[in-house]
Each structure stands twice: as structure tokens, then as C-alpha cells.
Protein backbone atom coordinates (compact mmCIF):
# COMPACT_ATOMS: atom_id res chain seq x y z
CA MET A 1 -2.15 -32.36 -10.15
CA CYS A 2 0.23 -34.95 -8.72
CA LEU A 3 0.32 -34.64 -4.95
CA GLU A 4 2.61 -36.60 -2.69
CA PRO A 5 0.92 -39.83 -1.57
CA ALA A 6 1.76 -39.28 2.09
CA PRO A 7 -1.28 -38.01 4.04
CA PRO A 8 -1.11 -34.52 5.57
CA PRO A 9 -0.80 -34.13 9.34
CA PRO A 10 -4.11 -34.30 11.26
CA SER A 11 -6.14 -31.20 10.43
CA ARG A 12 -6.46 -30.09 14.06
CA PHE A 13 -2.71 -30.10 14.55
CA THR A 14 -2.08 -28.49 11.19
CA ARG A 15 -4.60 -25.69 11.69
CA ARG A 16 -3.39 -24.92 15.19
CA GLY A 17 0.25 -24.98 14.23
CA VAL A 18 -0.18 -22.99 11.03
CA LEU A 19 -2.23 -20.24 12.65
CA ALA A 20 0.10 -20.07 15.63
CA GLY A 21 2.94 -19.48 13.20
CA ALA A 22 0.92 -16.78 11.43
CA ALA A 23 0.25 -15.06 14.75
CA ALA A 24 3.95 -15.13 15.61
CA LEU A 25 4.88 -13.61 12.23
CA ALA A 26 2.23 -10.92 12.49
CA GLY A 27 3.19 -10.09 16.05
CA THR A 28 -0.34 -10.63 17.31
CA ALA A 29 0.60 -13.43 19.69
CA ALA A 30 2.86 -11.10 21.67
CA VAL A 31 0.17 -8.41 21.89
CA LEU A 32 -2.57 -10.80 22.94
CA SER A 33 -0.37 -12.48 25.54
CA THR A 34 -0.23 -9.19 27.47
CA ALA A 35 -3.96 -8.52 27.17
CA ALA A 36 -6.63 -9.54 29.62
CA PRO A 37 -8.53 -12.69 28.56
CA ALA A 38 -11.49 -11.87 26.36
CA ALA A 39 -15.00 -12.91 27.26
CA ALA A 40 -16.76 -15.48 25.12
CA ARG A 41 -17.30 -13.98 21.68
CA PRO A 42 -20.84 -12.64 21.14
CA ALA A 43 -22.81 -13.65 18.08
CA ASP A 44 -23.42 -10.02 17.10
CA PRO A 45 -20.71 -9.12 14.53
CA ALA A 46 -20.87 -5.44 15.49
CA ARG A 47 -19.61 -6.47 18.93
CA GLU A 48 -16.82 -8.83 17.95
CA GLY A 49 -14.15 -8.91 20.60
CA ALA A 50 -13.40 -6.84 23.66
CA PRO A 51 -13.00 -4.38 25.17
CA TYR A 52 -15.89 -2.25 24.01
CA GLY A 53 -16.07 1.38 24.98
CA ASP A 54 -18.70 3.86 26.10
CA LEU A 55 -18.36 7.35 24.66
CA VAL A 56 -20.29 10.51 23.90
CA ILE A 57 -19.18 12.51 20.84
CA GLU A 58 -20.89 15.86 20.95
CA GLY A 59 -21.02 19.19 19.22
CA GLY A 60 -19.84 18.16 15.76
CA THR A 61 -21.55 18.06 12.38
CA LEU A 62 -22.70 14.52 11.68
CA LEU A 63 -22.86 13.03 8.17
CA ASP A 64 -24.78 9.85 7.38
CA PRO A 65 -23.46 8.65 3.99
CA ALA A 66 -26.47 6.40 3.42
CA THR A 67 -28.93 9.27 3.31
CA GLY A 68 -26.61 12.24 2.81
CA GLU A 69 -28.25 13.83 5.86
CA VAL A 70 -26.13 16.43 7.66
CA THR A 71 -26.89 17.16 11.31
CA GLU A 72 -25.31 20.18 12.97
CA ASP A 73 -24.59 20.29 16.70
CA ALA A 74 -25.01 16.53 16.84
CA VAL A 75 -24.42 13.94 19.48
CA VAL A 76 -23.41 10.29 19.08
CA VAL A 77 -23.80 8.06 22.14
CA ILE A 78 -21.88 4.79 22.10
CA ARG A 79 -22.53 2.09 24.67
CA SER A 80 -20.56 -1.15 24.81
CA GLY A 81 -19.02 -0.47 21.41
CA LYS A 82 -22.28 0.18 19.54
CA VAL A 83 -24.10 3.36 18.60
CA ASP A 84 -27.02 3.85 20.94
CA ARG A 85 -28.14 7.26 19.71
CA ALA A 86 -27.14 9.63 16.90
CA GLY A 87 -28.80 12.93 16.05
CA PRO A 88 -29.33 16.53 17.18
CA ARG A 89 -27.96 17.22 20.63
CA ARG A 90 -31.08 19.14 21.58
CA GLN A 91 -33.27 16.06 21.24
CA GLY A 92 -32.93 14.32 24.57
CA ALA A 93 -30.59 14.45 27.49
CA VAL A 94 -26.95 13.55 26.95
CA PRO A 95 -25.70 10.89 29.41
CA ALA A 96 -23.54 12.58 32.03
CA ASP A 97 -21.77 9.43 33.21
CA LEU A 98 -19.93 8.53 29.97
CA PRO A 99 -16.54 9.70 28.69
CA ARG A 100 -16.79 12.62 26.26
CA LEU A 101 -15.14 13.68 23.02
CA ASP A 102 -15.73 17.32 22.12
CA ALA A 103 -16.24 17.56 18.35
CA GLU A 104 -17.18 21.23 18.26
CA GLY A 105 -16.13 22.71 14.91
CA HIS A 106 -15.47 19.25 13.43
CA TRP A 107 -17.28 16.78 11.21
CA VAL A 108 -18.14 13.25 12.36
CA LEU A 109 -18.49 10.32 9.95
CA PRO A 110 -18.64 6.55 10.29
CA GLY A 111 -15.29 4.78 10.32
CA LEU A 112 -13.99 4.12 6.82
CA VAL A 113 -13.66 0.77 5.05
CA ASP A 114 -10.56 -0.22 3.06
CA ALA A 115 -11.79 -2.97 0.74
CA HIS A 116 -8.33 -4.00 -0.50
CA ILE A 117 -5.37 -3.87 1.87
CA HIS A 118 -2.56 -6.24 2.85
CA LEU A 119 -2.20 -6.30 6.65
CA GLY A 120 0.54 -8.64 7.81
CA THR A 121 1.68 -7.10 11.09
CA VAL A 122 0.33 -5.47 14.22
CA ALA A 123 2.06 -2.22 13.26
CA GLU A 124 0.36 -2.11 9.85
CA ALA A 125 -3.02 -2.90 11.36
CA ARG A 126 -2.67 -0.22 14.00
CA GLU A 127 -1.58 2.36 11.42
CA ALA A 128 -4.55 1.54 9.20
CA VAL A 129 -6.90 2.29 12.11
CA THR A 130 -5.22 5.57 13.03
CA LYS A 131 -5.51 6.66 9.40
CA GLY A 132 -9.27 6.05 9.42
CA ALA A 133 -9.81 2.44 8.26
CA THR A 134 -11.83 0.84 11.05
CA SER A 135 -12.92 -2.05 8.80
CA ALA A 136 -11.11 -3.72 5.92
CA ARG A 137 -10.85 -6.63 3.53
CA SER A 138 -7.52 -8.35 3.04
CA GLY A 139 -5.96 -8.77 -0.37
CA SER A 140 -4.08 -11.86 0.95
CA THR A 141 -0.86 -12.38 2.91
CA THR A 142 1.99 -14.84 2.43
CA PHE A 143 1.58 -16.89 5.61
CA TYR A 144 -2.03 -16.30 6.78
CA GLN A 145 -0.98 -13.28 8.84
CA ASP A 146 -4.26 -11.56 7.95
CA ILE A 147 -6.16 -14.30 9.77
CA ALA A 148 -4.06 -13.56 12.85
CA VAL A 149 -4.77 -9.82 12.47
CA ARG A 150 -8.49 -10.57 12.21
CA GLU A 151 -8.35 -12.42 15.52
CA LEU A 152 -6.46 -9.52 17.09
CA ALA A 153 -9.24 -7.18 15.96
CA ARG A 154 -11.83 -9.36 17.65
CA ARG A 155 -9.96 -9.36 20.95
CA LEU A 156 -8.48 -5.84 20.89
CA PRO A 157 -10.46 -3.80 18.34
CA GLY A 158 -8.43 -0.66 18.92
CA GLN A 159 -5.37 -2.44 17.53
CA ALA A 160 -6.74 -3.46 14.13
CA PRO A 161 -9.59 -2.91 11.69
CA ARG A 162 -12.51 -5.32 11.68
CA LEU A 163 -11.13 -7.59 8.97
CA ARG A 164 -12.26 -10.00 6.29
CA ALA A 165 -9.22 -12.21 5.76
CA ALA A 166 -8.20 -13.83 2.45
CA GLY A 167 -5.40 -16.14 3.60
CA VAL A 168 -2.90 -17.02 0.87
CA PHE A 169 -3.10 -16.00 -2.79
CA VAL A 170 -4.46 -18.51 -5.32
CA THR A 171 -1.85 -17.96 -8.03
CA PRO A 172 0.15 -20.15 -10.42
CA ASP A 173 3.42 -19.53 -8.57
CA MET A 174 2.69 -19.58 -4.86
CA GLY A 175 6.31 -18.94 -3.93
CA ASP A 176 7.07 -19.14 -0.22
CA SER A 177 3.40 -19.59 0.67
CA VAL A 178 3.80 -23.33 0.20
CA LEU A 179 6.06 -23.24 3.25
CA ALA A 180 3.26 -21.78 5.34
CA ASP A 181 1.22 -24.93 5.55
CA PRO A 182 1.93 -28.66 5.39
CA ASP A 183 -1.22 -29.06 3.34
CA LEU A 184 0.25 -26.81 0.65
CA ALA A 185 3.72 -28.34 0.56
CA ALA A 186 2.75 -30.90 -2.09
CA LEU A 187 2.19 -28.03 -4.55
CA ALA A 188 5.86 -27.09 -4.56
CA GLY A 189 6.83 -29.63 -7.19
CA LEU A 190 3.98 -29.09 -9.62
CA LYS A 191 5.20 -28.59 -13.17
CA GLY A 192 3.74 -25.32 -14.43
CA GLY A 193 2.48 -24.33 -11.00
CA VAL A 194 -1.05 -24.26 -9.59
CA ARG A 195 -3.12 -24.55 -12.74
CA SER A 196 -5.03 -27.84 -12.80
CA ALA A 197 -8.60 -27.95 -11.54
CA GLU A 198 -7.51 -30.22 -8.70
CA ALA A 199 -4.69 -27.92 -7.61
CA LEU A 200 -6.89 -24.82 -7.74
CA ARG A 201 -9.60 -26.48 -5.67
CA HIS A 202 -6.98 -27.68 -3.21
CA VAL A 203 -5.61 -24.18 -2.49
CA VAL A 204 -9.11 -22.80 -2.02
CA GLU A 205 -10.08 -25.64 0.31
CA VAL A 206 -6.94 -25.22 2.41
CA ASN A 207 -7.65 -21.50 2.73
CA LEU A 208 -11.18 -22.23 3.85
CA ALA A 209 -9.94 -24.81 6.34
CA ARG A 210 -7.65 -22.19 7.85
CA GLY A 211 -10.56 -19.78 8.31
CA ALA A 212 -10.36 -17.44 5.30
CA ASP A 213 -13.41 -15.20 4.88
CA VAL A 214 -12.80 -14.55 1.17
CA ILE A 215 -10.62 -16.02 -1.58
CA LYS A 216 -8.11 -13.96 -3.56
CA THR A 217 -6.97 -15.00 -7.04
CA ARG A 218 -5.66 -13.37 -10.20
CA VAL A 219 -6.22 -13.34 -13.94
CA ASN A 220 -3.21 -11.21 -14.96
CA GLU A 221 0.40 -10.69 -13.99
CA ARG A 222 1.39 -7.82 -11.69
CA ALA A 223 1.75 -4.17 -12.64
CA GLY A 224 4.08 -3.46 -9.75
CA LEU A 225 6.89 -5.71 -10.98
CA PRO A 226 8.84 -4.34 -13.95
CA ASP A 227 9.68 -7.80 -15.29
CA GLN A 228 6.01 -8.80 -15.51
CA ASP A 229 3.44 -7.77 -18.11
CA PRO A 230 0.13 -6.95 -16.40
CA LEU A 231 -1.72 -7.61 -19.65
CA THR A 232 -0.55 -11.23 -19.75
CA GLN A 233 -3.34 -13.58 -18.68
CA VAL A 234 -2.32 -16.34 -16.26
CA TYR A 235 -5.68 -18.07 -15.69
CA SER A 236 -8.40 -18.85 -18.22
CA TYR A 237 -12.13 -18.46 -17.74
CA GLU A 238 -12.36 -22.17 -16.95
CA GLN A 239 -9.66 -22.00 -14.31
CA LEU A 240 -11.23 -18.96 -12.68
CA ALA A 241 -14.58 -20.72 -12.68
CA GLU A 242 -12.98 -23.60 -10.73
CA VAL A 243 -11.74 -21.16 -8.09
CA VAL A 244 -15.14 -19.47 -7.83
CA ALA A 245 -16.99 -22.78 -7.60
CA ALA A 246 -14.70 -24.07 -4.86
CA ALA A 247 -15.09 -20.83 -2.90
CA ARG A 248 -18.87 -20.90 -3.26
CA ARG A 249 -19.01 -24.43 -1.90
CA GLY A 250 -17.51 -22.94 1.23
CA GLY A 251 -19.94 -20.02 1.18
CA LYS A 252 -17.26 -17.49 0.21
CA GLY A 253 -16.75 -14.92 -2.54
CA VAL A 254 -13.70 -14.24 -4.70
CA LEU A 255 -11.77 -11.05 -5.36
CA CYS A 256 -9.68 -11.10 -8.52
CA HIS A 257 -6.51 -9.17 -9.43
CA SER A 258 -7.01 -8.05 -13.03
CA TYR A 259 -5.80 -5.65 -15.71
CA SER A 260 -6.46 -6.71 -19.31
CA GLU A 261 -9.82 -6.26 -21.02
CA GLN A 262 -10.18 -9.97 -21.78
CA GLY A 263 -8.95 -10.96 -18.35
CA CYS A 264 -11.50 -8.71 -16.66
CA HIS A 265 -14.26 -10.14 -18.82
CA ASP A 266 -13.30 -13.74 -18.11
CA ALA A 267 -13.11 -13.07 -14.37
CA VAL A 268 -16.53 -11.43 -14.21
CA ARG A 269 -18.16 -14.16 -16.31
CA ALA A 270 -16.59 -16.75 -14.01
CA GLY A 271 -18.58 -15.26 -11.12
CA ILE A 272 -16.10 -13.32 -9.01
CA ARG A 273 -17.51 -11.04 -6.32
CA SER A 274 -15.21 -8.10 -7.04
CA LEU A 275 -12.80 -6.98 -9.73
CA GLU A 276 -9.56 -5.53 -8.35
CA HIS A 277 -7.51 -2.89 -10.23
CA GLY A 278 -9.26 -3.55 -13.57
CA VAL A 279 -7.46 -0.81 -15.49
CA PHE A 280 -8.58 -1.88 -18.96
CA VAL A 281 -12.05 -3.13 -18.08
CA GLY A 282 -14.29 -2.62 -21.12
CA GLU A 283 -17.87 -1.54 -21.70
CA ARG A 284 -19.12 -5.10 -22.28
CA THR A 285 -17.63 -6.16 -18.95
CA LEU A 286 -19.08 -3.20 -17.08
CA HIS A 287 -22.49 -4.14 -18.49
CA GLU A 288 -21.96 -7.70 -17.23
CA MET A 289 -20.88 -6.40 -13.83
CA ARG A 290 -23.97 -4.24 -13.53
CA GLY A 291 -26.20 -7.20 -14.27
CA ARG A 292 -24.40 -9.50 -11.83
CA GLY A 293 -23.84 -6.97 -9.06
CA THR A 294 -20.08 -7.47 -9.33
CA TYR A 295 -18.09 -4.84 -7.44
CA PHE A 296 -15.22 -2.79 -8.84
CA THR A 297 -12.32 -2.00 -6.48
CA PRO A 298 -9.98 0.07 -8.67
CA THR A 299 -7.21 0.79 -6.10
CA LEU A 300 -6.48 4.15 -7.72
CA THR A 301 -3.92 5.05 -5.04
CA ALA A 302 -1.81 2.02 -5.91
CA ILE A 303 -1.81 2.84 -9.61
CA ALA A 304 -1.05 6.50 -8.87
CA GLY A 305 1.85 5.32 -6.73
CA LEU A 306 3.44 3.58 -9.69
CA ALA A 307 3.91 6.95 -11.40
CA GLU A 308 6.14 8.00 -8.49
CA SER A 309 8.37 4.93 -8.72
CA PRO A 310 12.12 5.40 -9.30
CA ASP A 311 11.88 2.50 -11.74
CA SER A 312 11.31 3.92 -15.22
CA VAL A 313 9.15 1.00 -16.36
CA LEU A 314 6.83 1.30 -13.37
CA ALA A 315 6.71 5.09 -13.56
CA GLU A 316 5.70 4.96 -17.22
CA ARG A 317 3.11 2.33 -16.41
CA GLY A 318 1.61 4.53 -13.72
CA ARG A 319 1.46 7.59 -15.97
CA ILE A 320 -0.32 5.62 -18.68
CA TYR A 321 -2.62 3.56 -16.48
CA LEU A 322 -3.95 6.19 -14.07
CA PRO A 323 -5.99 8.27 -16.56
CA VAL A 324 -7.28 5.07 -18.16
CA LEU A 325 -8.38 3.78 -14.77
CA LYS A 326 -10.05 7.07 -13.86
CA ASP A 327 -12.05 6.85 -17.07
CA ALA A 328 -13.00 3.27 -16.17
CA VAL A 329 -14.15 4.35 -12.70
CA ARG A 330 -16.30 7.13 -14.15
CA ALA A 331 -17.79 4.76 -16.74
CA ALA A 332 -18.49 2.16 -14.05
CA HIS A 333 -20.23 4.70 -11.86
CA GLU A 334 -22.35 5.99 -14.74
CA ALA A 335 -23.26 2.41 -15.66
CA GLY A 336 -24.41 1.64 -12.12
CA VAL A 337 -21.56 -0.73 -11.21
CA PRO A 338 -20.99 -0.69 -7.44
CA LEU A 339 -17.61 0.77 -6.44
CA ALA A 340 -15.55 0.11 -3.33
CA ALA A 341 -12.49 2.01 -2.12
CA GLY A 342 -9.27 0.11 -1.52
CA THR A 343 -5.68 1.30 -1.19
CA ASP A 344 -3.82 -1.96 -1.91
CA SER A 345 -1.40 -0.88 0.83
CA SER A 346 1.33 -3.44 1.51
CA GLY A 347 4.91 -3.89 2.61
CA GLY A 348 4.62 -1.78 5.73
CA GLU A 349 3.38 1.36 3.96
CA VAL A 350 -0.23 2.17 4.78
CA THR A 351 -1.96 4.78 2.61
CA PRO A 352 -4.91 6.59 4.22
CA ILE A 353 -8.12 5.22 2.77
CA GLY A 354 -9.22 8.84 2.49
CA ARG A 355 -6.72 9.25 -0.33
CA GLU A 356 -8.63 6.66 -2.37
CA VAL A 357 -11.81 8.66 -1.77
CA GLU A 358 -10.03 11.76 -3.10
CA LEU A 359 -9.11 9.90 -6.29
CA MET A 360 -12.65 8.54 -6.66
CA HIS A 361 -13.84 12.14 -6.58
CA ALA A 362 -11.13 13.16 -9.05
CA ALA A 363 -12.37 10.39 -11.37
CA GLY A 364 -15.80 12.01 -11.56
CA LEU A 365 -17.83 10.93 -8.51
CA SER A 366 -19.54 13.54 -6.38
CA PRO A 367 -18.03 14.00 -2.90
CA LEU A 368 -20.92 12.09 -1.31
CA ASP A 369 -20.74 9.22 -3.80
CA ALA A 370 -16.98 9.06 -3.33
CA ILE A 371 -17.45 8.87 0.46
CA ARG A 372 -19.95 6.06 -0.01
CA THR A 373 -17.29 3.94 -1.75
CA ALA A 374 -15.45 3.84 1.60
CA THR A 375 -18.54 3.54 3.79
CA THR A 376 -21.91 2.13 2.73
CA GLU A 377 -20.80 0.55 -0.57
CA ALA A 378 -17.64 -1.03 0.82
CA ALA A 379 -19.59 -2.25 3.84
CA ARG A 380 -22.04 -4.01 1.53
CA LEU A 381 -19.19 -5.69 -0.34
CA LEU A 382 -17.77 -7.00 2.94
CA GLY A 383 -21.17 -8.29 4.06
CA LEU A 384 -21.26 -5.68 6.83
CA SER A 385 -23.99 -3.37 5.57
CA ARG A 386 -25.92 -3.69 8.85
CA VAL A 387 -22.80 -3.34 10.96
CA VAL A 388 -20.62 -0.50 9.65
CA GLY A 389 -20.80 2.45 7.24
CA ARG A 390 -23.42 4.54 9.05
CA PRO A 391 -23.48 6.54 12.31
CA ALA A 392 -26.84 5.08 13.30
CA PRO A 393 -28.28 3.18 16.27
CA GLY A 394 -27.26 -0.47 16.27
CA TYR A 395 -24.16 0.09 14.13
CA ALA A 396 -20.62 -0.33 15.36
CA GLY A 397 -19.18 2.53 17.38
CA ASP A 398 -16.51 3.22 14.76
CA LEU A 399 -16.22 6.87 13.72
CA VAL A 400 -13.78 9.40 12.34
CA VAL A 401 -13.61 13.05 13.36
CA LEU A 402 -12.44 15.46 10.65
CA ASP A 403 -11.17 19.03 10.78
CA SER A 404 -13.34 20.27 7.91
CA ASP A 405 -16.35 19.55 5.70
CA PRO A 406 -15.60 16.49 3.48
CA LEU A 407 -18.47 17.41 1.16
CA SER A 408 -16.55 20.55 0.24
CA ASP A 409 -13.04 19.08 0.51
CA VAL A 410 -12.81 15.28 0.44
CA SER A 411 -9.10 15.48 1.32
CA ALA A 412 -10.23 15.95 4.94
CA LEU A 413 -10.78 12.19 5.03
CA SER A 414 -7.04 11.62 4.58
CA ARG A 415 -6.21 13.38 7.84
CA PRO A 416 -8.66 12.39 10.60
CA VAL A 417 -8.03 14.24 13.84
CA ARG A 418 -9.59 11.47 15.92
CA VAL A 419 -10.54 7.87 15.21
CA VAL A 420 -12.97 5.94 17.39
CA ARG A 421 -12.96 2.15 17.19
CA ALA A 422 -15.60 0.17 19.10
CA GLY A 423 -16.32 3.15 21.29
CA ARG A 424 -12.71 3.88 22.25
CA ILE A 425 -10.53 6.72 21.02
CA CYS A 426 -7.50 5.31 19.19
């Protein structure tokens, strides 16, 4: 890589300026400017941000995805944004001094986790929450807007999911992202794009310096662009290994956009944390994933959406890819590969994460196992297994209230009647 010899601006100035710009683009700066100042951030990740709510949810049927236990006529007591008590209403007095949500005739589950979503604005973040995603992992944004959304979630949790941000995409052609950051500008003139070991490390390191929680890269071209071939490999095993190594030095994992059989295999061998899309993942790769504990985030809703495209190339792609991907999901589940639900929502259109659970079930998972892909399993992938994914004492006060039994009809997850985020009804 041949970078310009001129040194970048001082890192403090660059970080502050870049993230201020991201906040302006995402619209978070305007929202936070009207909010009351937040208290100093606690160390407990379940209590990130303010304000936290107190709430009693009573009378519903409670499902704990971790155990599969169903509790009728249940009560959930939330204090300061965390679950204080969850179980049968008859066991112990219900606090009379807290706000109440009557869940009689409804089912209550932990808030859902969207493990692959692109949140670049306040409106998108808010919509994701109202559709049930109280926690999420970003699939990258163009100008670090996801980092701004993450900070919004910490200050005003009702406005955004608890978020693991990916910053900008590590890809050969970074497009307008090089304009997002003075420390990336030198990449604009690279012949052949971001491909050398030095360039790959540089993009990862800049992301980490800006506060990214995870790193997003790719091994194949995109399926959603008709002029690209998603089976064409853009990074080799060696290049992916450079990205993974640089991320690990910063204590972060890597999620990898993938389609082709060889591309999936190279990405998994390189040490990625999760394989995204992965339509043509093969048996040898699934075996490798099982041994390594690599997650599979198939984004079935995104592939299904291609089949509805007015573009004939994309529509044909979707019709061919969806059954192949369903087979891959079923094979992964049978092989013991951990699965996480992700919608790959982007561009202002937010798909309910419950729809991904429906498609997981349609691919062959039981209703409970499908629900786990958007609760306990996705929480583990995000490093939040002790924070979200269960309606249990000490966990975050994030819950969804449904109009019917999701174990009989998983589509109920796509239409929550109430969403509670950090103890407040959204």
C-alpha cells in the first residue's frame, strides 16, 4: 500500500470530528441535544445509558427460551431497567408502587436480537425497536453512523437497540467511506483497492480507533446488485486472515459477507466469528464451523426479498438461492453449528426480526430452536449472553408482548403488540 506521506490529523481531533459528523448524519446529535444529560455510564452493560424504567408486566404467559419453560399467569418486575423478578404471579407480592402493563391473554418473551442489521438513522433504529429488536449487531454503515446509534442507545435506550457497531466495511472498493475519515483518505488512490496486507490492517485499525465493536468484511461480491456475481471471490484466505488477525489484536471478532462454497470455507478457516448469508456453504465448512464455534447468520429474509425484486436478475437469484439457503440452515442446525437471526435490513426499510425466526422455522428448526436464534444464541454471538435473551433476574428489562403463542405460531413474533426497552414501554 502506498499511503500519502503527510501525517494524519491528531487522533483526538480526528476521532471527535469524525464521530460528530456520523452523529449529524444519523440524526442522533439532534435527538440527544434535546434530552436531559445522562448520568455517568455504569459499568454494568445491562444498564447502559439512561433513563431506566420501573415496570410490572403481569398476567401473561412467560417463555424463557433458554430452558423452554412456560409460566402461565406470570409476573415480570423490572427495576431501574433490569429484571428483578420473573415467575408465577402467585409467588410473592407484586409491588403496588410501580407502573403496570397488563399482559392478560398475551405471551411475554425477552426482547429479540437482530444479529445483522444496518442502522444508519434515528428513524431506522426506532423502527427496529418497535418491531421487536431490542438488541442488534451492525453489518456496517458508510460513515460510522452505527457508532452514533450505539451511543444514542446508551443515552436513550427507548430510541435504539442495544448495538454492537461495525463502523465501515472492509472491502476492496470502499467507495464514499474514504470521505468519512481523514485517516482513510489515503486509500482513495490505491490501485486495485484495499487488498494489500498493510491496507487491510489500516482499515481495521481505523475502525477500532473510532470505537467499532466488531469488524465487517467480505469474501464475495454482492447478491443484491445485478451487475455483480455473488460467487466471485474478492479476498483470498490470506487476505481474510490479515483482517481477522488485525481485529483480534484489538480484541474484536469479524463477521464476513459470503456466498460461494470456497469463499465460505476460506473465511471460516481464516478465523471469522460469524458467516453472513453463506448460501452455498458446504458440508466440509459446516464441519469446520462446528469445531471452531463459528456462527452462521443466514439472513434468510434478505435472500427471500430478492425473489420479490422487480429486477429480473435479482428475482431469479432469490428464487434459486432461497431453497438452497434453507437447506444449508437445516444442515447447519443438524450439524450443531450455532445459528443467529439477522434481517440484513438497510436503506430505511426495517424488516421485523420475527420474520427471520419464521424462516428459520420454515427451514426445519423447531419453533423453540428458531426463537433461540433471535434470543439466547444471538445474545451469545454478541457477547451479551448474561445480559439479554432471557426474562430472568439480572437480565436487561427488554421484553416483547405477543398476541398469541409463538410455540404454535412463530409469526406472532413479527407483530409484537408491546415492546419494552430498559423497563419502558416503547
